[in-house]
Amino acid sequence: MLNEDALKQVMATMLNVDAATINEDSSMDNVPNWDSLRHMNLVLALEEEFKVSIPDEDAGNITSYKLIKLVLNDLGV
């Protein structure tokens, strides 16, 4: 079962925002600090935190909190 608090904390740390601001609607479109460089660092941090390997085709597409949750759930987290 995905620990959403841990997910929010990783996202907050990598995107340099308050974890309380991360929610179901958070995406690259509305989190100002979420640029391509931070996105790659976020993917690496997610892999480390949740002990998974995110496929390259998914790594470029997980541009929102909802999509990240979906991919992590698909990976068995």
PDB file of N, CA and C in Angstrom:
ATOM      1  N   MET A   1       0.848  -1.197   0.000  1.00  0.00           N
ATOM      2  CA  MET A   1       0.000   0.000   0.000  1.00  0.00           C
ATOM      3  C   MET A   1       0.884   1.247   0.000  1.00  0.00           C
ATOM      4  N   LEU A   2       0.616   2.129  -0.936  1.00  0.00           N
ATOM      5  CA  LEU A   2       1.406   3.345  -1.086  1.00  0.00           C
ATOM      6  C   LEU A   2       1.234   4.260   0.125  1.00  0.00           C
ATOM      7  N   ASN A   3       2.355   4.691   0.679  1.00  0.00           N
ATOM      8  CA  ASN A   3       2.351   5.659   1.769  1.00  0.00           C
ATOM      9  C   ASN A   3       2.292   7.052   1.137  1.00  0.00           C
ATOM     10  N   GLU A   4       1.094   7.619   1.102  1.00  0.00           N
ATOM     11  CA  GLU A   4       0.917   8.915   0.434  1.00  0.00           C
ATOM     12  C   GLU A   4       1.632  10.044   1.162  1.00  0.00           C
ATOM     13  N   ASP A   5       1.777   9.936   2.479  1.00  0.00           N
ATOM     14  CA  ASP A   5       2.526  10.962   3.214  1.00  0.00           C
ATOM     15  C   ASP A   5       3.982  10.964   2.768  1.00  0.00           C
ATOM     16  N   ALA A   6       4.552   9.770   2.585  1.00  0.00           N
ATOM     17  CA  ALA A   6       5.938   9.673   2.114  1.00  0.00           C
ATOM     18  C   ALA A   6       6.048  10.228   0.697  1.00  0.00           C
ATOM     19  N   LEU A   7       5.067   9.920  -0.149  1.00  0.00           N
ATOM     20  CA  LEU A   7       5.060  10.444  -1.514  1.00  0.00           C
ATOM     21  C   LEU A   7       5.020  11.963  -1.503  1.00  0.00           C
ATOM     22  N   LYS A   8       4.135  12.528  -0.715  1.00  0.00           N
ATOM     23  CA  LYS A   8       4.025  13.990  -0.635  1.00  0.00           C
ATOM     24  C   LYS A   8       5.320  14.608  -0.122  1.00  0.00           C
ATOM     25  N   GLN A   9       5.960  13.949   0.840  1.00  0.00           N
ATOM     26  CA  GLN A   9       7.206  14.475   1.394  1.00  0.00           C
ATOM     27  C   GLN A   9       8.324  14.456   0.357  1.00  0.00           C
ATOM     28  N   VAL A  10       8.432  13.370  -0.401  1.00  0.00           N
ATOM     29  CA  VAL A  10       9.448  13.302  -1.461  1.00  0.00           C
ATOM     30  C   VAL A  10       9.188  14.391  -2.495  1.00  0.00           C
ATOM     31  N   MET A  11       7.945  14.519  -2.911  1.00  0.00           N
ATOM     32  CA  MET A  11       7.609  15.551  -3.896  1.00  0.00           C
ATOM     33  C   MET A  11       7.912  16.946  -3.360  1.00  0.00           C
ATOM     34  N   ALA A  12       7.536  17.199  -2.121  1.00  0.00           N
ATOM     35  CA  ALA A  12       7.766  18.511  -1.523  1.00  0.00           C
ATOM     36  C   ALA A  12       9.255  18.833  -1.454  1.00  0.00           C
ATOM     37  N   THR A  13      10.038  17.856  -1.042  1.00  0.00           N
ATOM     38  CA  THR A  13      11.481  18.058  -0.931  1.00  0.00           C
ATOM     39  C   THR A  13      12.096  18.337  -2.296  1.00  0.00           C
ATOM     40  N   MET A  14      11.755  17.528  -3.281  1.00  0.00           N
ATOM     41  CA  MET A  14      12.366  17.669  -4.596  1.00  0.00           C
ATOM     42  C   MET A  14      11.869  18.898  -5.359  1.00  0.00           C
ATOM     43  N   LEU A  15      10.641  19.317  -5.075  1.00  0.00           N
ATOM     44  CA  LEU A  15      10.069  20.478  -5.770  1.00  0.00           C
ATOM     45  C   LEU A  15      10.187  21.763  -4.964  1.00  0.00           C
ATOM     46  N   ASN A  16      10.760  21.643  -3.767  1.00  0.00           N
ATOM     47  CA  ASN A  16      10.983  22.801  -2.897  1.00  0.00           C
ATOM     48  C   ASN A  16       9.683  23.538  -2.569  1.00  0.00           C
ATOM     49  N   VAL A  17       8.685  22.755  -2.151  1.00  0.00           N
ATOM     50  CA  VAL A  17       7.403  23.326  -1.727  1.00  0.00           C
ATOM     51  C   VAL A  17       7.006  22.677  -0.403  1.00  0.00           C
ATOM     52  N   ASP A  18       6.006  23.224   0.240  1.00  0.00           N
ATOM     53  CA  ASP A  18       5.477  22.668   1.486  1.00  0.00           C
ATOM     54  C   ASP A  18       4.669  21.412   1.150  1.00  0.00           C
ATOM     55  N   ALA A  19       4.903  20.342   1.900  1.00  0.00           N
ATOM     56  CA  ALA A  19       4.186  19.081   1.661  1.00  0.00           C
ATOM     57  C   ALA A  19       2.677  19.272   1.736  1.00  0.00           C
ATOM     58  N   ALA A  20       2.229  20.213   2.545  1.00  0.00           N
ATOM     59  CA  ALA A  20       0.788  20.461   2.693  1.00  0.00           C
ATOM     60  C   ALA A  20       0.168  20.993   1.410  1.00  0.00           C
ATOM     61  N   THR A  21       0.985  21.511   0.506  1.00  0.00           N
ATOM     62  CA  THR A  21       0.451  22.050  -0.749  1.00  0.00           C
ATOM     63  C   THR A  21       0.309  20.978  -1.829  1.00  0.00           C
ATOM     64  N   ILE A  22       0.865  19.786  -1.602  1.00  0.00           N
ATOM     65  CA  ILE A  22       0.761  18.696  -2.568  1.00  0.00           C
ATOM     66  C   ILE A  22      -0.588  18.012  -2.385  1.00  0.00           C
ATOM     67  N   ASN A  23      -1.370  17.926  -3.467  1.00  0.00           N
ATOM     68  CA  ASN A  23      -2.680  17.280  -3.381  1.00  0.00           C
ATOM     69  C   ASN A  23      -3.014  16.593  -4.706  1.00  0.00           C
ATOM     70  N   GLU A  24      -4.212  16.076  -4.808  1.00  0.00           N
ATOM     71  CA  GLU A  24      -4.643  15.322  -5.995  1.00  0.00           C
ATOM     72  C   GLU A  24      -4.539  16.129  -7.286  1.00  0.00           C
ATOM     73  N   ASP A  25      -4.571  17.448  -7.176  1.00  0.00           N
ATOM     74  CA  ASP A  25      -4.538  18.303  -8.361  1.00  0.00           C
ATOM     75  C   ASP A  25      -3.142  18.811  -8.709  1.00  0.00           C
ATOM     76  N   SER A  26      -2.134  18.478  -7.898  1.00  0.00           N
ATOM     77  CA  SER A  26      -0.779  18.976  -8.146  1.00  0.00           C
ATOM     78  C   SER A  26      -0.210  18.368  -9.422  1.00  0.00           C
ATOM     79  N   SER A  27       0.351  19.250 -10.260  1.00  0.00           N
ATOM     80  CA  SER A  27       0.942  18.786 -11.522  1.00  0.00           C
ATOM     81  C   SER A  27       2.005  19.782 -11.975  1.00  0.00           C
ATOM     82  N   MET A  28       2.699  19.427 -13.042  1.00  0.00           N
ATOM     83  CA  MET A  28       3.697  20.339 -13.605  1.00  0.00           C
ATOM     84  C   MET A  28       3.061  21.658 -14.023  1.00  0.00           C
ATOM     85  N   ASP A  29       1.764  21.618 -14.324  1.00  0.00           N
ATOM     86  CA  ASP A  29       1.064  22.817 -14.787  1.00  0.00           C
ATOM     87  C   ASP A  29       0.822  23.839 -13.683  1.00  0.00           C
ATOM     88  N   ASN A  30       0.740  23.381 -12.433  1.00  0.00           N
ATOM     89  CA  ASN A  30       0.383  24.328 -11.371  1.00  0.00           C
ATOM     90  C   ASN A  30       1.348  24.359 -10.188  1.00  0.00           C
ATOM     91  N   VAL A  31       2.471  23.646 -10.267  1.00  0.00           N
ATOM     92  CA  VAL A  31       3.523  23.749  -9.253  1.00  0.00           C
ATOM     93  C   VAL A  31       4.683  24.478  -9.933  1.00  0.00           C
ATOM     94  N   PRO A  32       4.855  25.765  -9.603  1.00  0.00           N
ATOM     95  CA  PRO A  32       5.819  26.605 -10.329  1.00  0.00           C
ATOM     96  C   PRO A  32       7.245  26.044 -10.382  1.00  0.00           C
ATOM     97  N   ASN A  33       7.703  25.387  -9.327  1.00  0.00           N
ATOM     98  CA  ASN A  33       9.081  24.888  -9.295  1.00  0.00           C
ATOM     99  C   ASN A  33       9.280  23.597 -10.076  1.00  0.00           C
ATOM    100  N   TRP A  34       8.213  22.984 -10.551  1.00  0.00           N
ATOM    101  CA  TRP A  34       8.292  21.675 -11.194  1.00  0.00           C
ATOM    102  C   TRP A  34       8.708  21.845 -12.656  1.00  0.00           C
ATOM    103  N   ASP A  35      10.023  21.913 -12.872  1.00  0.00           N
ATOM    104  CA  ASP A  35      10.554  22.021 -14.231  1.00  0.00           C
ATOM    105  C   ASP A  35      11.175  20.686 -14.628  1.00  0.00           C
ATOM    106  N   SER A  36      11.763  20.616 -15.806  1.00  0.00           N
ATOM    107  CA  SER A  36      12.268  19.343 -16.318  1.00  0.00           C
ATOM    108  C   SER A  36      13.426  18.795 -15.484  1.00  0.00           C
ATOM    109  N   LEU A  37      14.290  19.653 -14.988  1.00  0.00           N
ATOM    110  CA  LEU A  37      15.404  19.190 -14.162  1.00  0.00           C
ATOM    111  C   LEU A  37      14.898  18.637 -12.829  1.00  0.00           C
ATOM    112  N   ARG A  38      14.013  19.369 -12.189  1.00  0.00           N
ATOM    113  CA  ARG A  38      13.451  18.879 -10.921  1.00  0.00           C
ATOM    114  C   ARG A  38      12.640  17.606 -11.155  1.00  0.00           C
ATOM    115  N   HIS A  39      12.036  17.487 -12.329  1.00  0.00           N
ATOM    116  CA  HIS A  39      11.259  16.288 -12.632  1.00  0.00           C
ATOM    117  C   HIS A  39      12.166  15.058 -12.644  1.00  0.00           C
ATOM    118  N   MET A  40      13.314  15.172 -13.292  1.00  0.00           N
ATOM    119  CA  MET A  40      14.238  14.034 -13.344  1.00  0.00           C
ATOM    120  C   MET A  40      14.744  13.690 -11.948  1.00  0.00           C
ATOM    121  N   ASN A  41      15.045  14.703 -11.146  1.00  0.00           N
ATOM    122  CA  ASN A  41      15.477  14.456  -9.770  1.00  0.00           C
ATOM    123  C   ASN A  41      14.354  13.838  -8.948  1.00  0.00           C
ATOM    124  N   LEU A  42      13.121  14.241  -9.221  1.00  0.00           N
ATOM    125  CA  LEU A  42      11.969  13.667  -8.537  1.00  0.00           C
ATOM    126  C   LEU A  42      11.832  12.183  -8.863  1.00  0.00           C
ATOM    127  N   VAL A  43      11.983  11.835 -10.136  1.00  0.00           N
ATOM    128  CA  VAL A  43      11.891  10.423 -10.541  1.00  0.00           C
ATOM    129  C   VAL A  43      12.947   9.600  -9.799  1.00  0.00           C
ATOM    130  N   LEU A  44      14.174  10.101  -9.764  1.00  0.00           N
ATOM    131  CA  LEU A  44      15.251   9.386  -9.068  1.00  0.00           C
ATOM    132  C   LEU A  44      14.950   9.254  -7.574  1.00  0.00           C
ATOM    133  N   ALA A  45      14.426  10.309  -6.970  1.00  0.00           N
ATOM    134  CA  ALA A  45      14.094  10.273  -5.542  1.00  0.00           C
ATOM    135  C   ALA A  45      12.954   9.288  -5.267  1.00  0.00           C
ATOM    136  N   LEU A  46      11.976   9.236  -6.161  1.00  0.00           N
ATOM    137  CA  LEU A  46      10.875   8.287  -5.999  1.00  0.00           C
ATOM    138  C   LEU A  46      11.385   6.857  -6.083  1.00  0.00           C
ATOM    139  N   GLU A  47      12.279   6.603  -7.024  1.00  0.00           N
ATOM    140  CA  GLU A  47      12.849   5.264  -7.162  1.00  0.00           C
ATOM    141  C   GLU A  47      13.597   4.859  -5.895  1.00  0.00           C
ATOM    142  N   GLU A  48      14.348   5.800  -5.342  1.00  0.00           N
ATOM    143  CA  GLU A  48      15.112   5.505  -4.129  1.00  0.00           C
ATOM    144  C   GLU A  48      14.194   5.301  -2.928  1.00  0.00           C
ATOM    145  N   GLU A  49      13.236   6.195  -2.754  1.00  0.00           N
ATOM    146  CA  GLU A  49      12.333   6.128  -1.596  1.00  0.00           C
ATOM    147  C   GLU A  49      11.497   4.852  -1.597  1.00  0.00           C
ATOM    148  N   PHE A  50      10.963   4.486  -2.762  1.00  0.00           N
ATOM    149  CA  PHE A  50      10.027   3.371  -2.827  1.00  0.00           C
ATOM    150  C   PHE A  50      10.660   2.077  -3.354  1.00  0.00           C
ATOM    151  N   LYS A  51      11.993   2.116  -3.562  1.00  0.00           N
ATOM    152  CA  LYS A  51      12.736   0.907  -3.974  1.00  0.00           C
ATOM    153  C   LYS A  51      12.148   0.268  -5.226  1.00  0.00           C
ATOM    154  N   VAL A  52      11.924   1.101  -6.248  1.00  0.00           N
ATOM    155  CA  VAL A  52      11.386   0.629  -7.520  1.00  0.00           C
ATOM    156  C   VAL A  52      12.234   1.207  -8.650  1.00  0.00           C
ATOM    157  N   SER A  53      12.045   0.670  -9.825  1.00  0.00           N
ATOM    158  CA  SER A  53      12.647   1.215 -11.033  1.00  0.00           C
ATOM    159  C   SER A  53      11.498   1.654 -11.935  1.00  0.00           C
ATOM    160  N   ILE A  54      11.405   2.954 -12.146  1.00  0.00           N
ATOM    161  CA  ILE A  54      10.330   3.495 -12.977  1.00  0.00           C
ATOM    162  C   ILE A  54      10.770   3.415 -14.436  1.00  0.00           C
ATOM    163  N   PRO A  55      10.018   2.695 -15.263  1.00  0.00           N
ATOM    164  CA  PRO A  55      10.393   2.575 -16.682  1.00  0.00           C
ATOM    165  C   PRO A  55      10.505   3.947 -17.350  1.00  0.00           C
ATOM    166  N   ASP A  56      11.457   4.054 -18.287  1.00  0.00           N
ATOM    167  CA  ASP A  56      11.686   5.336 -18.960  1.00  0.00           C
ATOM    168  C   ASP A  56      10.416   5.906 -19.577  1.00  0.00           C
ATOM    169  N   GLU A  57       9.585   5.031 -20.166  1.00  0.00           N
ATOM    170  CA  GLU A  57       8.367   5.530 -20.813  1.00  0.00           C
ATOM    171  C   GLU A  57       7.393   6.131 -19.793  1.00  0.00           C
ATOM    172  N   ASP A  58       7.431   5.635 -18.551  1.00  0.00           N
ATOM    173  CA  ASP A  58       6.583   6.208 -17.501  1.00  0.00           C
ATOM    174  C   ASP A  58       7.224   7.448 -16.885  1.00  0.00           C
ATOM    175  N   ALA A  59       8.545   7.444 -16.774  1.00  0.00           N
ATOM    176  CA  ALA A  59       9.245   8.546 -16.101  1.00  0.00           C
ATOM    177  C   ALA A  59       8.923   9.902 -16.720  1.00  0.00           C
ATOM    178  N   GLY A  60       8.813   9.952 -18.031  1.00  0.00           N
ATOM    179  CA  GLY A  60       8.510  11.213 -18.686  1.00  0.00           C
ATOM    180  C   GLY A  60       7.057  11.605 -18.608  1.00  0.00           C
ATOM    181  N   ASN A  61       6.207  10.655 -18.275  1.00  0.00           N
ATOM    182  CA  ASN A  61       4.761  10.911 -18.271  1.00  0.00           C
ATOM    183  C   ASN A  61       4.157  11.164 -16.898  1.00  0.00           C
ATOM    184  N   ILE A  62       4.915  10.940 -15.826  1.00  0.00           N
ATOM    185  CA  ILE A  62       4.335  11.117 -14.486  1.00  0.00           C
ATOM    186  C   ILE A  62       4.443  12.588 -14.072  1.00  0.00           C
ATOM    187  N   THR A  63       3.618  13.395 -14.694  1.00  0.00           N
ATOM    188  CA  THR A  63       3.683  14.842 -14.518  1.00  0.00           C
ATOM    189  C   THR A  63       2.625  15.384 -13.568  1.00  0.00           C
ATOM    190  N   SER A  64       2.045  14.492 -12.768  1.00  0.00           N
ATOM    191  CA  SER A  64       1.078  14.939 -11.757  1.00  0.00           C
ATOM    192  C   SER A  64       1.094  13.965 -10.590  1.00  0.00           C
ATOM    193  N   TYR A  65       0.584  14.423  -9.476  1.00  0.00           N
ATOM    194  CA  TYR A  65       0.484  13.580  -8.283  1.00  0.00           C
ATOM    195  C   TYR A  65      -0.327  12.319  -8.593  1.00  0.00           C
ATOM    196  N   LYS A  66      -1.455  12.499  -9.287  1.00  0.00           N
ATOM    197  CA  LYS A  66      -2.310  11.352  -9.620  1.00  0.00           C
ATOM    198  C   LYS A  66      -1.576  10.329 -10.475  1.00  0.00           C
ATOM    199  N   LEU A  67      -0.834  10.795 -11.474  1.00  0.00           N
ATOM    200  CA  LEU A  67      -0.114   9.877 -12.358  1.00  0.00           C
ATOM    201  C   LEU A  67       1.033   9.174 -11.632  1.00  0.00           C
ATOM    202  N   ILE A  68       1.699   9.889 -10.732  1.00  0.00           N
ATOM    203  CA  ILE A  68       2.760   9.264  -9.941  1.00  0.00           C
ATOM    204  C   ILE A  68       2.166   8.150  -9.084  1.00  0.00           C
ATOM    205  N   LYS A  69       1.038   8.434  -8.435  1.00  0.00           N
ATOM    206  CA  LYS A  69       0.381   7.400  -7.615  1.00  0.00           C
ATOM    207  C   LYS A  69       0.012   6.189  -8.467  1.00  0.00           C
ATOM    208  N   LEU A  70      -0.522   6.434  -9.648  1.00  0.00           N
ATOM    209  CA  LEU A  70      -0.931   5.350 -10.536  1.00  0.00           C
ATOM    210  C   LEU A  70       0.255   4.459 -10.911  1.00  0.00           C
ATOM    211  N   VAL A  71       1.359   5.069 -11.311  1.00  0.00           N
ATOM    212  CA  VAL A  71       2.543   4.302 -11.703  1.00  0.00           C
ATOM    213  C   VAL A  71       3.116   3.547 -10.510  1.00  0.00           C
ATOM    214  N   LEU A  72       3.207   4.204  -9.358  1.00  0.00           N
ATOM    215  CA  LEU A  72       3.741   3.506  -8.181  1.00  0.00           C
ATOM    216  C   LEU A  72       2.854   2.336  -7.788  1.00  0.00           C
ATOM    217  N   ASN A  73       1.552   2.524  -7.861  1.00  0.00           N
ATOM    218  CA  ASN A  73       0.636   1.415  -7.560  1.00  0.00           C
ATOM    219  C   ASN A  73       0.806   0.270  -8.552  1.00  0.00           C
ATOM    220  N   ASP A  74       0.988   0.599  -9.825  1.00  0.00           N
ATOM    221  CA  ASP A  74       1.215  -0.418 -10.863  1.00  0.00           C
ATOM    222  C   ASP A  74       2.511  -1.176 -10.617  1.00  0.00           C
ATOM    223  N   LEU A  75       3.473  -0.524  -9.991  1.00  0.00           N
ATOM    224  CA  LEU A  75       4.764  -1.154  -9.685  1.00  0.00           C
ATOM    225  C   LEU A  75       4.713  -1.946  -8.369  1.00  0.00           C
ATOM    226  N   GLY A  76       3.549  -1.966  -7.755  1.00  0.00           N
ATOM    227  CA  GLY A  76       3.380  -2.759  -6.540  1.00  0.00           C
ATOM    228  C   GLY A  76       3.725  -2.074  -5.238  1.00  0.00           C
ATOM    229  N   VAL A  77       3.852  -0.750  -5.285  1.00  0.00           N
ATOM    230  CA  VAL A  77       4.160   0.001  -4.061  1.00  0.00           C
ATOM    231  C   VAL A  77       2.911   0.140  -3.227  1.00  0.00           C
TER     232      VAL A  77
END
